[in-house]
Amino acid sequence: MNARLSRRSLCTAVALTLGLAASVSASAQEVTLKAVNAFQEGTYFAKNFERFIKKVNDEGKGVVQINYIGGPKAIPTFDQGAALRNGVVDLANTSASFTASLVPEGLALNYTHMTMAELRKNGGLEQLNKAYQDKGLYYFARTGENIPYHIYTNKKIDKADLNGLKLRIAPIYRDFFQKLGATVATIPPGDVYTALERGVVDGYGWPLLGIFDLGWQEKTKYRLDPGFYTIELGVVFSANAWKKLTPAQRAFMEKQGAWLESLNAEDAARDVPAELKKQEAAGIQTVKLDPAQAAVFLKTASDAAWDGIVRTSPTYGQTLRNLMAPK
């Protein structure tokens, strides 16, 4: 009787041990990543990343899960690059403009006319990621493109001359605005409304989309055409977090990243015409430069952009210009 009990107890113990081992093995295959958003939750530039997180969590059980800690209130927008590098978070929906203090080469994504598929094919993205990985980051997927930037002001501009204007900038167009004579100030998006209200700035650079999320239309009278550069939003990983993923986890995330990038074209085609009508209805007047002034404006924008990339990145700048600049 005792022998039978011992054998039964032994079998039970072995089964429990094997079950526990299987459970540990299964749980070891799931990783939870911590994510932050450079944009306030629910706003235009946050929403596709939030859709991406939901899709990953719905489809990635047992493989990858994402713990979304929120937007700039969790970690200020301009601090998120350092948070990625230091391992405070694993991935962020951000912009090359917001991480330019770490990776100025990332701004090349705003200046190129090439698609992500083209950049993957010609080696441009691989070259860019060498610069990102040097700083402890990894550029994963682009979450916004095909949308131009514009200058929005309270004062009318009728030529390629910004002398006398105080403009809010991001690093992407600092050199451009300064070449045209503007006084510039770097201000986080959440503080721009107050800066306009108090007269700290006369206007701002911003993509065509997104000003209504922040209430800026209330303090904006004019939008200058033509647009310049193109929007870049992207999911950026901590390089260490990306390297620690298993091949299966990376393959799963790359599939999700491809889905995320597929949203860009349909968003632009749907949202740009609607936004133009919405701005007009809000009383924002379109000011179009004449062809000669527009040509000066756009050439100054391009020269300032690529000269800046080469100047700030002796290692990668000229190669990126050769691979990514409009021909």
C-alpha atoms as a PDB file:
ATOM      1  CA  MET A   1       0.000   0.000   0.000  1.00  0.00           C
ATOM      2  CA  ASN A   2       2.753   2.413   0.989  1.00  0.00           C
ATOM      3  CA  ALA A   3       4.742   1.506  -2.123  1.00  0.00           C
ATOM      4  CA  ARG A   4       1.727   2.214  -4.324  1.00  0.00           C
ATOM      5  CA  LEU A   5       1.223   5.586  -2.607  1.00  0.00           C
ATOM      6  CA  SER A   6       4.886   6.431  -3.041  1.00  0.00           C
ATOM      7  CA  ARG A   7       4.748   5.604  -6.747  1.00  0.00           C
ATOM      8  CA  ARG A   8       1.543   7.625  -7.105  1.00  0.00           C
ATOM      9  CA  SER A   9       3.068  10.551  -5.217  1.00  0.00           C
ATOM     10  CA  LEU A  10       6.172  10.355  -7.370  1.00  0.00           C
ATOM     11  CA  CYS A  11       4.095  10.367 -10.586  1.00  0.00           C
ATOM     12  CA  THR A  12       2.096  13.323  -9.313  1.00  0.00           C
ATOM     13  CA  ALA A  13       5.277  15.216  -8.457  1.00  0.00           C
ATOM     14  CA  VAL A  14       6.782  14.514 -11.873  1.00  0.00           C
ATOM     15  CA  ALA A  15       3.596  15.642 -13.619  1.00  0.00           C
ATOM     16  CA  LEU A  16       3.499  18.846 -11.590  1.00  0.00           C
ATOM     17  CA  THR A  17       7.159  19.503 -12.315  1.00  0.00           C
ATOM     18  CA  LEU A  18       6.673  18.962 -16.032  1.00  0.00           C
ATOM     19  CA  GLY A  19       3.577  21.156 -16.022  1.00  0.00           C
ATOM     20  CA  LEU A  20       5.434  23.895 -14.196  1.00  0.00           C
ATOM     21  CA  ALA A  21       8.334  23.651 -16.630  1.00  0.00           C
ATOM     22  CA  ALA A  22       5.950  23.892 -19.570  1.00  0.00           C
ATOM     23  CA  SER A  23       4.268  26.894 -17.971  1.00  0.00           C
ATOM     24  CA  VAL A  24       7.615  28.631 -17.369  1.00  0.00           C
ATOM     25  CA  SER A  25       8.673  27.864 -20.946  1.00  0.00           C
ATOM     26  CA  ALA A  26       5.427  29.285 -22.342  1.00  0.00           C
ATOM     27  CA  SER A  27       5.607  32.410 -20.226  1.00  0.00           C
ATOM     28  CA  ALA A  28       9.249  32.908 -21.231  1.00  0.00           C
ATOM     29  CA  GLN A  29       8.069  33.251 -24.841  1.00  0.00           C
ATOM     30  CA  GLU A  30       5.847  36.245 -24.009  1.00  0.00           C
ATOM     31  CA  VAL A  31       7.418  39.619 -23.443  1.00  0.00           C
ATOM     32  CA  THR A  32       5.703  42.750 -22.177  1.00  0.00           C
ATOM     33  CA  LEU A  33       7.009  45.996 -23.659  1.00  0.00           C
ATOM     34  CA  LYS A  34       6.458  49.411 -22.114  1.00  0.00           C
ATOM     35  CA  ALA A  35       5.282  52.080 -24.589  1.00  0.00           C
ATOM     36  CA  VAL A  36       4.826  55.849 -24.471  1.00  0.00           C
ATOM     37  CA  ASN A  37       3.331  58.373 -26.894  1.00  0.00           C
ATOM     38  CA  ALA A  38       4.815  61.765 -27.759  1.00  0.00           C
ATOM     39  CA  PHE A  39       1.290  63.002 -28.422  1.00  0.00           C
ATOM     40  CA  GLN A  40      -1.631  63.356 -26.055  1.00  0.00           C
ATOM     41  CA  GLU A  41      -3.776  60.259 -25.936  1.00  0.00           C
ATOM     42  CA  GLY A  42      -6.650  60.206 -28.409  1.00  0.00           C
ATOM     43  CA  THR A  43      -5.341  63.031 -30.606  1.00  0.00           C
ATOM     44  CA  TYR A  44      -4.857  62.689 -34.349  1.00  0.00           C
ATOM     45  CA  PHE A  45      -1.183  61.777 -34.241  1.00  0.00           C
ATOM     46  CA  ALA A  46      -1.670  59.371 -31.337  1.00  0.00           C
ATOM     47  CA  LYS A  47      -4.581  57.326 -32.636  1.00  0.00           C
ATOM     48  CA  ASN A  48      -2.903  54.949 -35.097  1.00  0.00           C
ATOM     49  CA  PHE A  49      -0.265  54.004 -32.541  1.00  0.00           C
ATOM     50  CA  GLU A  50      -3.037  53.282 -30.076  1.00  0.00           C
ATOM     51  CA  ARG A  51      -4.739  51.096 -32.695  1.00  0.00           C
ATOM     52  CA  PHE A  52      -1.405  49.328 -33.190  1.00  0.00           C
ATOM     53  CA  ILE A  53      -1.094  48.640 -29.453  1.00  0.00           C
ATOM     54  CA  LYS A  54      -4.580  47.162 -29.326  1.00  0.00           C
ATOM     55  CA  LYS A  55      -3.861  44.957 -32.344  1.00  0.00           C
ATOM     56  CA  VAL A  56      -0.590  43.718 -30.855  1.00  0.00           C
ATOM     57  CA  ASN A  57      -2.251  42.914 -27.541  1.00  0.00           C
ATOM     58  CA  ASP A  58      -5.227  41.196 -29.201  1.00  0.00           C
ATOM     59  CA  GLU A  59      -3.129  39.053 -31.521  1.00  0.00           C
ATOM     60  CA  GLY A  60       0.088  38.705 -29.558  1.00  0.00           C
ATOM     61  CA  LYS A  61      -0.986  36.759 -26.480  1.00  0.00           C
ATOM     62  CA  GLY A  62       1.838  34.404 -25.592  1.00  0.00           C
ATOM     63  CA  VAL A  63       4.254  36.331 -27.836  1.00  0.00           C
ATOM     64  CA  VAL A  64       4.254  40.107 -27.235  1.00  0.00           C
ATOM     65  CA  GLN A  65       2.134  42.401 -25.102  1.00  0.00           C
ATOM     66  CA  ILE A  66       2.426  46.174 -24.757  1.00  0.00           C
ATOM     67  CA  ASN A  67       1.916  48.118 -21.550  1.00  0.00           C
ATOM     68  CA  TYR A  68       0.876  51.598 -22.728  1.00  0.00           C
ATOM     69  CA  ILE A  69       1.716  54.195 -20.090  1.00  0.00           C
ATOM     70  CA  GLY A  70       0.238  57.135 -22.036  1.00  0.00           C
ATOM     71  CA  GLY A  71       1.363  60.389 -23.553  1.00  0.00           C
ATOM     72  CA  PRO A  72       3.497  63.381 -22.543  1.00  0.00           C
ATOM     73  CA  LYS A  73       2.099  63.463 -19.008  1.00  0.00           C
ATOM     74  CA  ALA A  74       3.832  60.126 -18.428  1.00  0.00           C
ATOM     75  CA  ILE A  75       7.125  61.250 -19.970  1.00  0.00           C
ATOM     76  CA  PRO A  76       7.542  64.711 -21.545  1.00  0.00           C
ATOM     77  CA  THR A  77       7.725  64.656 -25.339  1.00  0.00           C
ATOM     78  CA  PHE A  78      11.324  65.836 -25.654  1.00  0.00           C
ATOM     79  CA  ASP A  79      12.524  63.457 -22.912  1.00  0.00           C
ATOM     80  CA  GLN A  80      11.249  60.305 -24.567  1.00  0.00           C
ATOM     81  CA  GLY A  81      14.329  59.705 -26.728  1.00  0.00           C
ATOM     82  CA  ALA A  82      16.531  59.589 -23.637  1.00  0.00           C
ATOM     83  CA  ALA A  83      13.953  57.381 -21.910  1.00  0.00           C
ATOM     84  CA  LEU A  84      14.248  54.907 -24.788  1.00  0.00           C
ATOM     85  CA  ARG A  85      18.024  54.989 -24.765  1.00  0.00           C
ATOM     86  CA  ASN A  86      18.148  54.490 -20.999  1.00  0.00           C
ATOM     87  CA  GLY A  87      15.631  51.631 -20.986  1.00  0.00           C
ATOM     88  CA  VAL A  88      12.899  53.468 -19.081  1.00  0.00           C
ATOM     89  CA  VAL A  89      10.525  52.528 -21.919  1.00  0.00           C
ATOM     90  CA  ASP A  90      10.897  50.041 -24.771  1.00  0.00           C
ATOM     91  CA  LEU A  91       9.137  51.823 -27.634  1.00  0.00           C
ATOM     92  CA  ALA A  92       7.579  55.182 -28.391  1.00  0.00           C
ATOM     93  CA  ASN A  93       5.383  56.803 -30.986  1.00  0.00           C
ATOM     94  CA  THR A  94       7.457  59.894 -31.606  1.00  0.00           C
ATOM     95  CA  SER A  95       8.974  61.984 -34.364  1.00  0.00           C
ATOM     96  CA  ALA A  96      12.492  62.506 -35.654  1.00  0.00           C
ATOM     97  CA  SER A  97      11.909  66.149 -34.743  1.00  0.00           C
ATOM     98  CA  PHE A  98      11.508  65.180 -31.100  1.00  0.00           C
ATOM     99  CA  THR A  99      14.583  62.911 -31.008  1.00  0.00           C
ATOM    100  CA  ALA A 100      16.817  65.130 -33.148  1.00  0.00           C
ATOM    101  CA  SER A 101      19.012  66.077 -30.193  1.00  0.00           C
ATOM    102  CA  LEU A 102      20.082  62.418 -30.113  1.00  0.00           C
ATOM    103  CA  VAL A 103      19.784  61.420 -33.778  1.00  0.00           C
ATOM    104  CA  PRO A 104      19.812  64.467 -36.057  1.00  0.00           C
ATOM    105  CA  GLU A 105      20.104  62.127 -39.038  1.00  0.00           C
ATOM    106  CA  GLY A 106      16.493  61.056 -38.466  1.00  0.00           C
ATOM    107  CA  LEU A 107      15.289  64.350 -39.930  1.00  0.00           C
ATOM    108  CA  ALA A 108      16.235  62.978 -43.358  1.00  0.00           C
ATOM    109  CA  LEU A 109      12.896  61.145 -43.237  1.00  0.00           C
ATOM    110  CA  ASN A 110      11.111  64.502 -43.320  1.00  0.00           C
ATOM    111  CA  TYR A 111      13.148  65.736 -46.285  1.00  0.00           C
ATOM    112  CA  THR A 112      12.937  62.731 -48.577  1.00  0.00           C
ATOM    113  CA  HIS A 113      10.159  62.055 -51.089  1.00  0.00           C
ATOM    114  CA  MET A 114      10.813  58.309 -51.014  1.00  0.00           C
ATOM    115  CA  THR A 115       8.426  55.781 -49.516  1.00  0.00           C
ATOM    116  CA  MET A 116       9.442  53.412 -46.751  1.00  0.00           C
ATOM    117  CA  ALA A 117       9.362  50.526 -49.230  1.00  0.00           C
ATOM    118  CA  GLU A 118      11.810  52.400 -51.447  1.00  0.00           C
ATOM    119  CA  LEU A 119      14.067  53.216 -48.511  1.00  0.00           C
ATOM    120  CA  ARG A 120      14.137  49.603 -47.396  1.00  0.00           C
ATOM    121  CA  LYS A 121      15.003  48.532 -50.930  1.00  0.00           C
ATOM    122  CA  ASN A 122      17.779  51.040 -51.631  1.00  0.00           C
ATOM    123  CA  GLY A 123      19.468  50.755 -48.221  1.00  0.00           C
ATOM    124  CA  GLY A 124      18.417  54.173 -46.985  1.00  0.00           C
ATOM    125  CA  LEU A 125      16.618  52.840 -43.912  1.00  0.00           C
ATOM    126  CA  GLU A 126      19.492  50.491 -43.101  1.00  0.00           C
ATOM    127  CA  GLN A 127      21.927  53.396 -43.235  1.00  0.00           C
ATOM    128  CA  LEU A 128      19.630  55.527 -41.117  1.00  0.00           C
ATOM    129  CA  ASN A 129      19.343  52.799 -38.509  1.00  0.00           C
ATOM    130  CA  LYS A 130      23.114  52.706 -38.152  1.00  0.00           C
ATOM    131  CA  ALA A 131      22.865  56.267 -36.874  1.00  0.00           C
ATOM    132  CA  TYR A 132      19.911  55.380 -34.622  1.00  0.00           C
ATOM    133  CA  GLN A 133      21.640  52.325 -33.173  1.00  0.00           C
ATOM    134  CA  ASP A 134      24.771  54.352 -32.448  1.00  0.00           C
ATOM    135  CA  LYS A 135      22.556  56.285 -30.005  1.00  0.00           C
ATOM    136  CA  GLY A 136      20.820  53.249 -28.527  1.00  0.00           C
ATOM    137  CA  LEU A 137      17.649  53.505 -30.633  1.00  0.00           C
ATOM    138  CA  TYR A 138      16.082  51.516 -33.467  1.00  0.00           C
ATOM    139  CA  TYR A 139      13.716  52.986 -36.071  1.00  0.00           C
ATOM    140  CA  PHE A 140      10.931  50.427 -36.435  1.00  0.00           C
ATOM    141  CA  ALA A 141       8.013  51.748 -38.518  1.00  0.00           C
ATOM    142  CA  ARG A 142       6.698  54.999 -39.893  1.00  0.00           C
ATOM    143  CA  THR A 143       3.260  56.012 -38.671  1.00  0.00           C
ATOM    144  CA  GLY A 144       2.739  59.187 -40.674  1.00  0.00           C
ATOM    145  CA  GLU A 145       3.739  60.395 -44.153  1.00  0.00           C
ATOM    146  CA  ASN A 146       2.366  62.011 -47.335  1.00  0.00           C
ATOM    147  CA  ILE A 147       1.260  65.086 -45.376  1.00  0.00           C
ATOM    148  CA  PRO A 148       3.112  68.417 -45.804  1.00  0.00           C
ATOM    149  CA  TYR A 149       4.152  70.940 -43.183  1.00  0.00           C
ATOM    150  CA  HIS A 150       2.921  74.534 -43.327  1.00  0.00           C
ATOM    151  CA  ILE A 151       3.576  77.838 -41.649  1.00  0.00           C
ATOM    152  CA  TYR A 152       0.561  79.127 -39.683  1.00  0.00           C
ATOM    153  CA  THR A 153       0.529  82.727 -38.467  1.00  0.00           C
ATOM    154  CA  ASN A 154      -1.452  85.613 -37.065  1.00  0.00           C
ATOM    155  CA  LYS A 155       0.289  87.949 -39.514  1.00  0.00           C
ATOM    156  CA  LYS A 156       0.004  87.804 -43.284  1.00  0.00           C
ATOM    157  CA  ILE A 157       3.052  86.644 -45.262  1.00  0.00           C
ATOM    158  CA  ASP A 158       3.181  87.383 -48.979  1.00  0.00           C
ATOM    159  CA  LYS A 159       6.762  86.460 -49.892  1.00  0.00           C
ATOM    160  CA  ALA A 160       9.583  84.098 -48.966  1.00  0.00           C
ATOM    161  CA  ASP A 161      10.672  86.324 -46.089  1.00  0.00           C
ATOM    162  CA  LEU A 162      10.040  85.704 -42.397  1.00  0.00           C
ATOM    163  CA  ASN A 163      11.872  88.730 -41.006  1.00  0.00           C
ATOM    164  CA  GLY A 164      10.071  90.207 -38.012  1.00  0.00           C
ATOM    165  CA  LEU A 165       8.159  87.013 -37.218  1.00  0.00           C
ATOM    166  CA  LYS A 166       8.550  84.958 -34.044  1.00  0.00           C
ATOM    167  CA  LEU A 167       7.735  81.346 -34.874  1.00  0.00           C
ATOM    168  CA  ARG A 168       7.451  78.150 -32.887  1.00  0.00           C
ATOM    169  CA  ILE A 169       9.688  75.532 -34.441  1.00  0.00           C
ATOM    170  CA  ALA A 170      10.717  71.932 -34.155  1.00  0.00           C
ATOM    171  CA  PRO A 171      14.272  70.964 -35.151  1.00  0.00           C
ATOM    172  CA  ILE A 172      13.089  69.822 -38.578  1.00  0.00           C
ATOM    173  CA  TYR A 173      12.636  73.387 -39.831  1.00  0.00           C
ATOM    174  CA  ARG A 174      14.866  75.423 -37.523  1.00  0.00           C
ATOM    175  CA  ASP A 175      17.513  76.102 -40.204  1.00  0.00           C
ATOM    176  CA  PHE A 176      14.886  76.826 -42.874  1.00  0.00           C
ATOM    177  CA  PHE A 177      12.967  79.385 -40.823  1.00  0.00           C
ATOM    178  CA  GLN A 178      16.165  81.062 -39.687  1.00  0.00           C
ATOM    179  CA  LYS A 179      17.444  81.303 -43.272  1.00  0.00           C
ATOM    180  CA  LEU A 180      14.287  83.215 -44.115  1.00  0.00           C
ATOM    181  CA  GLY A 181      14.893  85.567 -41.189  1.00  0.00           C
ATOM    182  CA  ALA A 182      12.489  84.344 -38.478  1.00  0.00           C
ATOM    183  CA  THR A 183      13.162  84.472 -34.755  1.00  0.00           C
ATOM    184  CA  VAL A 184      12.508  80.933 -33.552  1.00  0.00           C
ATOM    185  CA  ALA A 185      11.522  79.204 -30.315  1.00  0.00           C
ATOM    186  CA  THR A 186      11.339  75.487 -29.522  1.00  0.00           C
ATOM    187  CA  ILE A 187       8.085  74.939 -27.633  1.00  0.00           C
ATOM    188  CA  PRO A 188       6.425  71.580 -26.814  1.00  0.00           C
ATOM    189  CA  PRO A 189       3.058  71.151 -28.550  1.00  0.00           C
ATOM    190  CA  GLY A 190       1.171  71.329 -25.276  1.00  0.00           C
ATOM    191  CA  ASP A 191       2.463  74.859 -24.619  1.00  0.00           C
ATOM    192  CA  VAL A 192       1.919  76.391 -28.062  1.00  0.00           C
ATOM    193  CA  TYR A 193      -1.645  77.612 -27.424  1.00  0.00           C
ATOM    194  CA  THR A 194      -0.494  79.651 -24.442  1.00  0.00           C
ATOM    195  CA  ALA A 195       2.493  80.994 -26.394  1.00  0.00           C
ATOM    196  CA  LEU A 196       0.144  82.202 -29.140  1.00  0.00           C
ATOM    197  CA  GLU A 197      -2.301  83.642 -26.635  1.00  0.00           C
ATOM    198  CA  ARG A 198       0.417  85.613 -24.850  1.00  0.00           C
ATOM    199  CA  GLY A 199       2.149  86.788 -28.013  1.00  0.00           C
ATOM    200  CA  VAL A 200       5.328  84.843 -27.308  1.00  0.00           C
ATOM    201  CA  VAL A 201       5.122  83.675 -30.925  1.00  0.00           C
ATOM    202  CA  ASP A 202       3.287  84.961 -34.004  1.00  0.00           C
ATOM    203  CA  GLY A 203       2.805  81.523 -35.469  1.00  0.00           C
ATOM    204  CA  TYR A 204       4.196  78.051 -35.817  1.00  0.00           C
ATOM    205  CA  GLY A 205       5.277  75.319 -38.140  1.00  0.00           C
ATOM    206  CA  TRP A 206       3.034  72.240 -38.071  1.00  0.00           C
ATOM    207  CA  PRO A 207       1.714  69.571 -40.428  1.00  0.00           C
ATOM    208  CA  LEU A 208      -1.476  70.224 -42.339  1.00  0.00           C
ATOM    209  CA  LEU A 209      -3.343  67.968 -39.909  1.00  0.00           C
ATOM    210  CA  GLY A 210      -3.726  68.115 -36.158  1.00  0.00           C
ATOM    211  CA  ILE A 211      -4.217  71.754 -35.149  1.00  0.00           C
ATOM    212  CA  PHE A 212      -7.853  71.261 -34.088  1.00  0.00           C
ATOM    213  CA  ASP A 213      -6.853  68.620 -31.553  1.00  0.00           C
ATOM    214  CA  LEU A 214      -4.853  71.298 -29.759  1.00  0.00           C
ATOM    215  CA  GLY A 215      -7.242  74.230 -30.216  1.00  0.00           C
ATOM    216  CA  TRP A 216      -4.721  76.258 -32.202  1.00  0.00           C
ATOM    217  CA  GLN A 217      -7.289  77.241 -34.830  1.00  0.00           C
ATOM    218  CA  GLU A 218      -8.608  79.743 -32.290  1.00  0.00           C
ATOM    219  CA  LYS A 219      -5.327  81.662 -32.471  1.00  0.00           C
ATOM    220  CA  THR A 220      -4.538  81.163 -36.164  1.00  0.00           C
ATOM    221  CA  LYS A 221      -5.483  83.497 -39.019  1.00  0.00           C
ATOM    222  CA  TYR A 222      -3.394  82.312 -41.985  1.00  0.00           C
ATOM    223  CA  ARG A 223      -1.902  79.157 -43.482  1.00  0.00           C
ATOM    224  CA  LEU A 224       0.925  79.720 -45.951  1.00  0.00           C
ATOM    225  CA  ASP A 225       1.064  77.678 -49.161  1.00  0.00           C
ATOM    226  CA  PRO A 226       2.989  75.875 -50.531  1.00  0.00           C
ATOM    227  CA  GLY A 227       3.624  73.216 -47.938  1.00  0.00           C
ATOM    228  CA  PHE A 228       7.167  72.001 -47.377  1.00  0.00           C
ATOM    229  CA  TYR A 229       8.841  68.767 -46.278  1.00  0.00           C
ATOM    230  CA  THR A 230       6.557  65.868 -45.280  1.00  0.00           C
ATOM    231  CA  ILE A 231       5.365  64.618 -41.969  1.00  0.00           C
ATOM    232  CA  GLU A 232       7.263  61.864 -40.249  1.00  0.00           C
ATOM    233  CA  LEU A 233       5.940  60.028 -37.241  1.00  0.00           C
ATOM    234  CA  GLY A 234       7.485  56.764 -36.263  1.00  0.00           C
ATOM    235  CA  VAL A 235       7.648  53.967 -33.756  1.00  0.00           C
ATOM    236  CA  VAL A 236      11.137  53.932 -32.292  1.00  0.00           C
ATOM    237  CA  PHE A 237      12.464  51.146 -30.092  1.00  0.00           C
ATOM    238  CA  SER A 238      15.151  51.054 -27.503  1.00  0.00           C
ATOM    239  CA  ALA A 239      17.870  49.231 -29.442  1.00  0.00           C
ATOM    240  CA  ASN A 240      18.454  46.922 -26.485  1.00  0.00           C
ATOM    241  CA  ALA A 241      14.751  46.089 -26.221  1.00  0.00           C
ATOM    242  CA  TRP A 242      14.627  45.240 -29.927  1.00  0.00           C
ATOM    243  CA  LYS A 243      17.736  43.041 -29.721  1.00  0.00           C
ATOM    244  CA  LYS A 244      16.312  41.104 -26.776  1.00  0.00           C
ATOM    245  CA  LEU A 245      13.247  39.985 -28.734  1.00  0.00           C
ATOM    246  CA  THR A 246      13.366  36.452 -30.057  1.00  0.00           C
ATOM    247  CA  PRO A 247      13.250  35.898 -33.834  1.00  0.00           C
ATOM    248  CA  ALA A 248       9.588  34.894 -33.498  1.00  0.00           C
ATOM    249  CA  GLN A 249       8.766  38.019 -31.506  1.00  0.00           C
ATOM    250  CA  ARG A 250      10.558  40.264 -34.001  1.00  0.00           C
ATOM    251  CA  ALA A 251       8.742  38.588 -36.895  1.00  0.00           C
ATOM    252  CA  PHE A 252       5.404  39.150 -35.165  1.00  0.00           C
ATOM    253  CA  MET A 253       6.209  42.812 -34.508  1.00  0.00           C
ATOM    254  CA  GLU A 254       7.399  43.378 -38.081  1.00  0.00           C
ATOM    255  CA  LYS A 255       4.091  42.026 -39.357  1.00  0.00           C
ATOM    256  CA  GLN A 256       2.245  44.460 -37.090  1.00  0.00           C
ATOM    257  CA  GLY A 257       4.538  47.280 -38.205  1.00  0.00           C
ATOM    258  CA  ALA A 258       3.733  46.591 -41.853  1.00  0.00           C
ATOM    259  CA  TRP A 259       0.020  46.857 -41.025  1.00  0.00           C
ATOM    260  CA  LEU A 260       0.646  50.141 -39.210  1.00  0.00           C
ATOM    261  CA  GLU A 261       2.516  51.627 -42.176  1.00  0.00           C
ATOM    262  CA  SER A 262      -0.277  50.537 -44.519  1.00  0.00           C
ATOM    263  CA  LEU A 263      -2.590  53.051 -42.816  1.00  0.00           C
ATOM    264  CA  ASN A 264      -0.541  56.073 -43.927  1.00  0.00           C
ATOM    265  CA  ALA A 265      -1.705  56.397 -47.543  1.00  0.00           C
ATOM    266  CA  GLU A 266      -5.382  55.894 -46.783  1.00  0.00           C
ATOM    267  CA  ASP A 267      -5.228  58.391 -43.901  1.00  0.00           C
ATOM    268  CA  ALA A 268      -3.670  61.084 -46.102  1.00  0.00           C
ATOM    269  CA  ALA A 269      -6.110  60.522 -48.975  1.00  0.00           C
ATOM    270  CA  ARG A 270      -9.099  60.708 -46.637  1.00  0.00           C
ATOM    271  CA  ASP A 271      -8.015  63.355 -44.139  1.00  0.00           C
ATOM    272  CA  VAL A 272      -6.180  66.017 -46.154  1.00  0.00           C
ATOM    273  CA  PRO A 273      -9.206  67.229 -48.206  1.00  0.00           C
ATOM    274  CA  ALA A 274     -11.395  67.154 -45.108  1.00  0.00           C
ATOM    275  CA  GLU A 275      -8.861  69.177 -43.124  1.00  0.00           C
ATOM    276  CA  LEU A 276      -8.594  71.868 -45.788  1.00  0.00           C
ATOM    277  CA  LYS A 277     -12.367  72.364 -45.670  1.00  0.00           C
ATOM    278  CA  LYS A 278     -12.347  72.378 -41.884  1.00  0.00           C
ATOM    279  CA  GLN A 279      -9.647  75.052 -41.705  1.00  0.00           C
ATOM    280  CA  GLU A 280     -11.514  77.205 -44.204  1.00  0.00           C
ATOM    281  CA  ALA A 281     -14.712  76.874 -42.177  1.00  0.00           C
ATOM    282  CA  ALA A 282     -12.799  77.900 -39.043  1.00  0.00           C
ATOM    283  CA  GLY A 283     -11.747  81.131 -40.739  1.00  0.00           C
ATOM    284  CA  ILE A 284      -8.135  80.242 -41.463  1.00  0.00           C
ATOM    285  CA  GLN A 285      -7.221  82.014 -44.696  1.00  0.00           C
ATOM    286  CA  THR A 286      -4.954  80.411 -47.274  1.00  0.00           C
ATOM    287  CA  VAL A 287      -2.119  82.648 -48.465  1.00  0.00           C
ATOM    288  CA  LYS A 288      -0.470  81.367 -51.652  1.00  0.00           C
ATOM    289  CA  LEU A 289       2.962  82.603 -52.649  1.00  0.00           C
ATOM    290  CA  ASP A 290       3.299  83.545 -56.300  1.00  0.00           C
ATOM    291  CA  PRO A 291       5.294  81.055 -58.427  1.00  0.00           C
ATOM    292  CA  ALA A 292       8.590  82.956 -58.211  1.00  0.00           C
ATOM    293  CA  GLN A 293       8.396  83.375 -54.433  1.00  0.00           C
ATOM    294  CA  ALA A 294       7.214  79.786 -54.003  1.00  0.00           C
ATOM    295  CA  ALA A 295      10.284  78.577 -55.921  1.00  0.00           C
ATOM    296  CA  VAL A 296      12.579  80.568 -53.615  1.00  0.00           C
ATOM    297  CA  PHE A 297      10.694  79.286 -50.578  1.00  0.00           C
ATOM    298  CA  LEU A 298      10.974  75.620 -51.573  1.00  0.00           C
ATOM    299  CA  LYS A 299      14.618  75.828 -52.689  1.00  0.00           C
ATOM    300  CA  THR A 300      15.560  77.466 -49.404  1.00  0.00           C
ATOM    301  CA  ALA A 301      13.700  74.708 -47.563  1.00  0.00           C
ATOM    302  CA  SER A 302      15.519  71.928 -49.436  1.00  0.00           C
ATOM    303  CA  ASP A 303      18.977  73.481 -49.225  1.00  0.00           C
ATOM    304  CA  ALA A 304      18.631  74.217 -45.522  1.00  0.00           C
ATOM    305  CA  ALA A 305      17.434  70.668 -44.854  1.00  0.00           C
ATOM    306  CA  TRP A 306      20.151  68.675 -46.576  1.00  0.00           C
ATOM    307  CA  ASP A 307      22.966  71.086 -45.758  1.00  0.00           C
ATOM    308  CA  GLY A 308      21.939  70.670 -42.136  1.00  0.00           C
ATOM    309  CA  ILE A 309      21.979  66.865 -42.331  1.00  0.00           C
ATOM    310  CA  VAL A 310      25.497  66.870 -43.794  1.00  0.00           C
ATOM    311  CA  ARG A 311      26.745  69.464 -41.299  1.00  0.00           C
ATOM    312  CA  THR A 312      25.394  67.758 -38.186  1.00  0.00           C
ATOM    313  CA  SER A 313      26.357  64.231 -39.265  1.00  0.00           C
ATOM    314  CA  PRO A 314      29.852  63.984 -40.749  1.00  0.00           C
ATOM    315  CA  THR A 315      29.625  60.189 -40.477  1.00  0.00           C
ATOM    316  CA  TYR A 316      26.286  59.535 -42.197  1.00  0.00           C
ATOM    317  CA  GLY A 317      25.032  62.831 -43.626  1.00  0.00           C
ATOM    318  CA  GLN A 318      26.373  62.762 -47.170  1.00  0.00           C
ATOM    319  CA  THR A 319      25.481  59.092 -47.635  1.00  0.00           C
ATOM    320  CA  LEU A 320      21.916  59.784 -46.502  1.00  0.00           C
ATOM    321  CA  ARG A 321      21.720  62.741 -48.869  1.00  0.00           C
ATOM    322  CA  ASN A 322      22.900  60.561 -51.753  1.00  0.00           C
ATOM    323  CA  LEU A 323      20.340  57.849 -50.936  1.00  0.00           C
ATOM    324  CA  MET A 324      17.334  59.922 -49.880  1.00  0.00           C
ATOM    325  CA  ALA A 325      17.419  63.450 -51.314  1.00  0.00           C
ATOM    326  CA  PRO A 326      15.119  64.288 -54.228  1.00  0.00           C
ATOM    327  CA  LYS A 327      16.990  63.940 -57.519  1.00  0.00           C
END
